[in-house]
Amino acid sequence: MPSRKSILSSQGFECNNWSNNWSFVNHKRKQVCFTGWIDLIDQKDGYLVLSDKWQIGKSGRRLAGYSVSLEYINDYVRKESYEVCVLRHEAIDPKDERRRIQRIYPDLIYGKLEQKGSNYFVKPFS
């Protein structure tokens, strides 16, 4: 199985920490890519890519992936109109809070970022 780093870096995406980031940026193409778990897709809203519930981990520390994703949303998607896409993941155990990747789907799903309350979704284009 190809890694998310190999998939995303081959398409020009970068980040500061490939292990902990949930979002990645390609400044040349003006795109932000979020990771999306396939079990967290809502038929109406799309892929859940960020939630306020994900700010703090079990240890009580703020999760870096949350802060970076929110920064990308505010700085690139909202202010600079970057396109958004999702790299879909399948979890080994979807009920485990600390998810591990079982499978990565290498095709990126493009859509529109929408905020609903404290959640952010990428709703795929039809």
Protein backbone atom coordinates (compact mmCIF):
# COMPACT_ATOMS: atom_id res chain seq x y z
CA MET A 1 0.00 0.00 0.00
CA PRO A 2 1.45 3.39 -0.93
CA SER A 3 1.84 5.82 1.96
CA ARG A 4 -0.11 9.05 2.16
CA LYS A 5 3.24 10.88 2.00
CA SER A 6 4.14 9.21 -1.31
CA ILE A 7 0.66 9.84 -2.75
CA LEU A 8 0.44 13.47 -1.70
CA SER A 9 4.05 14.52 -2.23
CA SER A 10 3.93 13.08 -5.77
CA GLN A 11 1.11 15.57 -6.41
CA GLY A 12 2.97 18.53 -4.91
CA PHE A 13 1.46 18.58 -1.41
CA GLU A 14 3.65 19.30 1.59
CA CYS A 15 3.41 19.70 5.35
CA ASN A 16 5.61 20.14 8.42
CA ASN A 17 4.91 16.74 9.97
CA TRP A 18 3.78 13.78 7.84
CA SER A 19 3.00 11.70 10.93
CA ASN A 20 0.71 14.12 12.75
CA ASN A 21 -0.83 16.41 10.16
CA TRP A 22 -4.38 15.90 8.90
CA SER A 23 -4.07 18.43 6.09
CA PHE A 24 -1.54 19.25 3.42
CA VAL A 25 -0.94 22.21 1.11
CA ASN A 26 0.11 22.65 -2.50
CA HIS A 27 0.89 26.34 -3.01
CA LYS A 28 1.69 25.96 -6.70
CA ARG A 29 -1.81 24.63 -7.48
CA LYS A 30 -3.47 26.55 -4.63
CA GLN A 31 -4.95 23.43 -3.03
CA VAL A 32 -5.43 22.06 0.46
CA CYS A 33 -5.93 18.32 0.93
CA PHE A 34 -7.53 16.91 4.07
CA THR A 35 -7.55 13.33 5.26
CA GLY A 36 -11.01 11.82 5.44
CA TRP A 37 -12.03 8.57 7.09
CA ILE A 38 -14.51 6.71 4.90
CA ASP A 39 -16.70 5.82 7.88
CA LEU A 40 -17.10 9.55 8.68
CA ILE A 41 -18.83 10.49 5.43
CA ASP A 42 -22.34 11.85 5.66
CA GLN A 43 -24.50 11.47 2.56
CA LYS A 44 -25.77 15.05 2.91
CA ASP A 45 -22.73 16.90 4.25
CA GLY A 46 -19.77 14.99 2.78
CA TYR A 47 -16.48 14.00 4.42
CA LEU A 48 -15.95 15.17 7.99
CA VAL A 49 -12.40 16.59 7.90
CA LEU A 50 -12.22 18.62 11.11
CA SER A 51 -14.20 18.84 14.33
CA ASP A 52 -13.73 20.84 17.53
CA LYS A 53 -14.02 17.48 19.32
CA TRP A 54 -10.59 16.65 17.88
CA GLN A 55 -8.73 19.58 19.51
CA ILE A 56 -7.57 17.69 22.59
CA GLY A 57 -6.22 14.14 22.71
CA LYS A 58 -6.62 11.54 25.46
CA SER A 59 -3.49 12.88 27.17
CA GLY A 60 -5.17 16.29 27.55
CA ARG A 61 -2.75 17.94 25.12
CA ARG A 62 -3.84 19.99 22.12
CA LEU A 63 -3.38 17.99 18.91
CA ALA A 64 -1.12 19.61 16.32
CA GLY A 65 -3.17 18.20 13.44
CA TYR A 66 -6.18 20.21 14.56
CA SER A 67 -4.30 23.52 14.77
CA VAL A 68 -2.64 23.07 11.38
CA SER A 69 -5.91 22.14 9.68
CA LEU A 70 -7.70 25.15 11.14
CA GLU A 71 -4.81 27.38 10.04
CA TYR A 72 -5.03 26.02 6.47
CA ILE A 73 -8.79 26.59 6.43
CA ASN A 74 -8.47 30.18 7.61
CA ASP A 75 -5.30 31.21 5.78
CA TYR A 76 -5.61 29.38 2.47
CA VAL A 77 -9.18 28.23 1.85
CA ARG A 78 -11.04 31.26 3.24
CA LYS A 79 -8.55 34.07 2.57
CA GLU A 80 -6.90 32.86 -0.64
CA SER A 81 -9.65 30.65 -2.11
CA TYR A 82 -7.56 27.49 -2.33
CA GLU A 83 -9.37 24.43 -3.72
CA VAL A 84 -10.00 21.56 -1.32
CA CYS A 85 -9.81 17.80 -1.71
CA VAL A 86 -9.85 14.69 0.44
CA LEU A 87 -7.49 11.73 0.61
CA ARG A 88 -9.70 8.93 1.90
CA HIS A 89 -8.54 6.49 4.58
CA GLU A 90 -10.06 3.34 5.98
CA ALA A 91 -9.41 2.63 9.67
CA ILE A 92 -8.39 -0.73 11.08
CA ASP A 93 -10.85 -0.12 13.92
CA PRO A 94 -13.19 2.87 13.41
CA LYS A 95 -14.17 2.78 17.11
CA ASP A 96 -10.59 3.32 18.29
CA GLU A 97 -9.98 7.01 19.12
CA ARG A 98 -6.35 6.71 18.00
CA ARG A 99 -7.06 5.48 14.51
CA ARG A 100 -4.59 3.53 12.42
CA ILE A 101 -4.79 3.31 8.66
CA GLN A 102 -5.77 0.02 7.10
CA ARG A 103 -6.17 1.28 3.55
CA ILE A 104 -5.63 4.50 1.60
CA TYR A 105 -7.62 5.29 -1.53
CA PRO A 106 -5.12 7.15 -3.75
CA ASP A 107 -7.65 9.10 -5.85
CA LEU A 108 -8.32 12.55 -4.45
CA ILE A 109 -11.93 13.67 -4.09
CA TYR A 110 -12.43 17.38 -4.86
CA GLY A 111 -15.25 19.37 -3.35
CA LYS A 112 -16.37 22.41 -1.41
CA LEU A 113 -15.47 23.08 2.22
CA GLU A 114 -18.52 23.75 4.39
CA GLN A 115 -18.77 24.52 8.08
CA LYS A 116 -21.70 23.17 10.08
CA GLY A 117 -21.46 24.27 13.69
CA SER A 118 -18.06 23.17 14.97
CA ASN A 119 -17.53 20.66 12.16
CA TYR A 120 -15.95 21.09 8.74
CA PHE A 121 -16.93 18.94 5.79
CA VAL A 122 -15.71 18.56 2.24
CA LYS A 123 -18.78 17.98 0.12
CA PRO A 124 -17.71 16.29 -3.14
CA PHE A 125 -18.59 17.91 -6.43
CA SER A 126 -21.21 15.89 -8.32
